[in-house]
Protein backbone atom coordinates (compact mmCIF):
# COMPACT_ATOMS: atom_id res chain seq x y z
CA MET A 1 118.16 96.31 106.93
CA ARG A 2 120.53 96.83 109.86
CA LEU A 3 119.82 99.12 112.74
CA ASP A 4 123.37 100.25 112.64
CA ASP A 5 122.74 101.90 109.31
CA ILE A 6 119.72 103.94 110.29
CA THR A 7 119.99 107.59 109.34
CA THR A 8 117.79 109.07 112.10
CA HIS A 9 118.01 109.17 115.90
CA ILE A 10 115.91 106.34 117.29
CA ARG A 11 113.89 107.44 120.33
CA LEU A 12 110.42 107.38 121.72
CA ARG A 13 108.43 110.24 120.05
CA SER A 14 105.08 111.82 120.58
CA ALA A 15 102.58 111.40 117.85
CA TRP A 16 103.08 114.96 116.55
CA GLU A 17 106.91 114.53 116.61
CA ALA A 18 106.51 111.38 114.48
CA VAL A 19 104.35 113.37 112.03
CA ASP A 20 107.04 116.03 111.98
CA LEU A 21 109.73 113.35 111.34
CA GLY A 22 107.67 112.00 108.45
CA PHE A 23 107.39 115.51 106.88
CA ALA A 24 111.11 115.94 107.36
CA MET A 25 111.81 112.67 105.60
CA VAL A 26 109.59 113.70 102.73
CA GLN A 27 111.55 116.92 102.35
CA HIS A 28 114.91 115.32 102.72
CA TYR A 29 114.39 112.34 100.37
CA TRP A 30 112.36 114.02 97.65
CA ARG A 31 115.11 113.47 95.05
CA ASP A 32 114.86 109.72 95.53
CA VAL A 33 111.08 109.64 95.43
CA TRP A 34 110.01 111.90 92.57
CA PRO A 35 111.62 110.11 89.58
CA THR A 36 110.26 106.65 90.59
CA TRP A 37 106.89 107.84 91.69
CA THR A 38 106.40 110.09 88.68
CA LEU A 39 107.39 107.26 86.28
CA LEU A 40 105.01 104.85 88.09
CA LEU A 41 102.08 107.29 88.19
CA PHE A 42 102.46 108.34 84.55
CA SER A 43 102.89 104.77 83.24
CA ILE A 44 99.88 103.51 85.13
CA SER A 45 97.78 106.53 84.07
CA ALA A 46 98.78 105.91 80.40
CA LEU A 47 98.01 102.22 80.71
CA VAL A 48 94.59 103.01 82.24
CA TRP A 49 93.85 105.56 79.57
CA PHE A 50 94.78 103.27 76.65
CA LEU A 51 93.07 100.14 78.04
CA LEU A 52 89.77 101.75 78.85
CA PRO A 53 87.20 101.85 76.16
CA VAL A 54 86.19 105.24 74.83
CA THR A 55 82.87 105.28 76.71
CA ALA A 56 84.65 104.77 79.99
CA LYS A 57 87.43 107.38 79.61
CA PRO A 58 85.69 109.81 82.00
CA TYR A 59 86.27 107.24 84.68
CA ALA A 60 90.02 107.03 84.12
CA PRO A 61 90.89 109.57 86.89
CA LEU A 62 88.68 107.65 89.33
CA LEU A 63 90.52 104.42 88.50
CA VAL A 64 93.90 105.98 88.84
CA TRP A 65 92.77 107.36 92.23
CA TRP A 66 91.44 103.94 93.32
CA LEU A 67 94.88 102.47 92.69
CA LYS A 68 96.44 104.86 95.17
CA PRO A 69 97.24 102.14 97.77
CA PHE A 70 99.69 100.68 95.17
CA TYR A 71 101.56 104.01 94.91
CA ASP A 72 101.64 104.21 98.74
CA ARG A 73 103.49 100.91 98.83
CA VAL A 74 106.13 102.23 96.45
CA LEU A 75 106.61 105.37 98.52
CA LEU A 76 106.96 103.43 101.76
CA GLN A 77 109.51 101.07 100.07
CA ILE A 78 111.59 104.04 99.02
CA TYR A 79 111.42 105.78 102.42
CA SER A 80 112.14 102.63 104.31
CA GLN A 81 115.30 101.95 102.25
CA ARG A 82 116.53 105.50 102.56
CA LEU A 83 115.91 105.40 106.31
CA PHE A 84 118.33 102.52 106.51
CA ASN A 85 120.81 104.26 104.25
CA GLN A 86 120.35 101.83 101.37
CA PRO A 87 120.72 103.11 97.81
CA VAL A 88 117.43 103.56 95.95
CA SER A 89 117.09 103.66 92.14
CA THR A 90 114.15 103.46 89.90
CA ALA A 91 115.38 100.13 88.49
CA SER A 92 115.68 98.58 92.00
CA ILE A 93 112.13 99.75 92.87
CA VAL A 94 110.78 98.40 89.60
CA ASN A 95 112.45 95.00 90.38
CA GLN A 96 110.73 95.03 93.75
CA LEU A 97 107.25 95.60 92.27
CA PRO A 98 106.28 91.87 92.08
CA HIS A 99 107.05 91.48 95.76
CA LEU A 100 105.14 94.66 96.62
CA LEU A 101 102.16 93.44 94.58
CA SER A 102 101.95 89.99 96.35
CA HIS A 103 103.23 90.39 99.88
CA SER A 104 101.88 93.74 101.20
CA GLY A 105 98.21 93.28 101.53
CA LEU A 106 97.48 95.15 98.27
CA PHE A 107 94.37 93.15 97.43
CA ALA A 108 92.76 94.09 100.81
CA ALA A 109 93.82 97.68 100.36
CA LEU A 110 92.18 97.87 96.97
CA THR A 111 88.98 96.27 98.13
CA TRP A 112 87.46 96.22 101.61
CA ARG A 113 90.14 98.44 103.23
CA ARG A 114 90.25 101.02 100.38
CA LEU A 115 88.26 103.68 102.23
CA SER A 116 89.69 102.99 105.71
CA PRO A 117 91.17 106.14 107.22
CA SER A 118 93.86 104.07 108.94
CA ARG A 119 95.06 102.35 105.69
CA GLY A 120 98.27 104.37 105.48
CA PHE A 121 98.89 104.05 109.23
CA ASN A 122 98.68 100.25 109.10
CA LEU A 123 100.74 99.96 105.87
CA PRO A 124 104.08 99.52 107.60
CA ILE A 125 102.69 96.58 109.64
CA TRP A 126 101.49 94.89 106.42
CA GLN A 127 104.45 95.67 104.19
CA LEU A 128 107.58 96.20 106.25
CA GLU A 129 106.82 93.90 109.25
CA GLN A 130 104.70 91.52 107.06
CA LEU A 131 102.58 90.51 110.00
CA ARG A 132 99.52 88.37 109.41
CA GLY A 133 96.69 87.00 111.55
CA LYS A 134 96.82 87.43 115.31
CA ALA A 135 100.21 89.00 115.25
CA ARG A 136 99.06 91.73 112.93
CA LYS A 137 95.95 92.35 114.98
CA ALA A 138 97.87 92.63 118.20
CA ARG A 139 100.45 95.05 116.60
CA GLN A 140 97.71 97.19 115.13
CA HIS A 141 95.81 97.22 118.39
CA LEU A 142 98.94 98.48 120.19
CA LEU A 143 99.67 101.17 117.68
CA HIS A 144 96.06 102.29 117.53
CA LEU A 145 95.98 102.77 121.35
CA HIS A 146 98.65 105.48 121.11
CA ALA A 147 98.47 107.22 117.82
CA TYR A 148 95.34 106.24 115.85
CA SER A 149 93.49 109.57 116.15
CA TYR A 150 96.66 111.57 115.19
CA ALA A 151 97.17 109.36 112.12
CA VAL A 152 93.51 109.66 111.03
CA TRP A 153 93.45 113.47 111.44
CA LEU A 154 96.66 113.79 109.51
CA ILE A 155 95.23 111.62 106.64
CA VAL A 156 92.00 113.74 106.66
CA ALA A 157 93.97 116.96 106.50
CA CYS A 158 96.28 115.70 103.73
CA ALA A 159 93.31 114.33 101.72
CA HIS A 160 91.60 117.76 101.83
CA LEU A 161 94.81 119.37 100.70
CA GLU A 162 95.08 116.88 97.90
CA TYR A 163 91.51 117.57 96.84
CA VAL A 164 92.07 121.34 96.90
CA LEU A 165 95.12 120.94 94.69
CA ILE A 166 93.31 118.58 92.28
CA PHE A 167 90.28 120.91 91.94
CA SER A 168 92.54 123.93 91.57
CA LEU A 169 94.43 122.15 88.78
CA TYR A 170 91.15 121.17 87.09
CA ALA A 171 89.86 124.81 87.40
CA LEU A 172 93.12 126.08 85.85
CA ILE A 173 92.69 123.66 82.93
CA VAL A 174 89.00 124.63 82.43
CA PHE A 175 89.68 128.35 82.59
């Protein structure tokens, strides 16, 4: 990735401006994200559904939800490539899956960091910068000084919105 190819204006932003930039990127790059993300989500959901025994089928949605840190890594990969004006295709993302599984802190995100409210905020440090050890701790500490509370509140708000949508869909199916 070259800084000359970046598609946004690089400047120091306040925490809320950074949130706004993130939402603008989601709106702008949705055509690149939805096919890959939908294919990934449906294939993992089908795999979970078919591999679970009949007695454990009610826990399938919980397992799909628990694997959410994996989906986050795919989304970050797509957005980071589009930010640097690189072409993104479903095939290229599928080819990058082994690297995303092994070099992005996925095991930690699925175990002891799964319920951490700053998991998504720290993800670029783990996946894009690939920092480990003291360098990762120093970078996280620096970022947490300036924007941690904004990131956590954004995650809390988005999680509540997600739960409202899920329960609304469930109620629609039941009724």
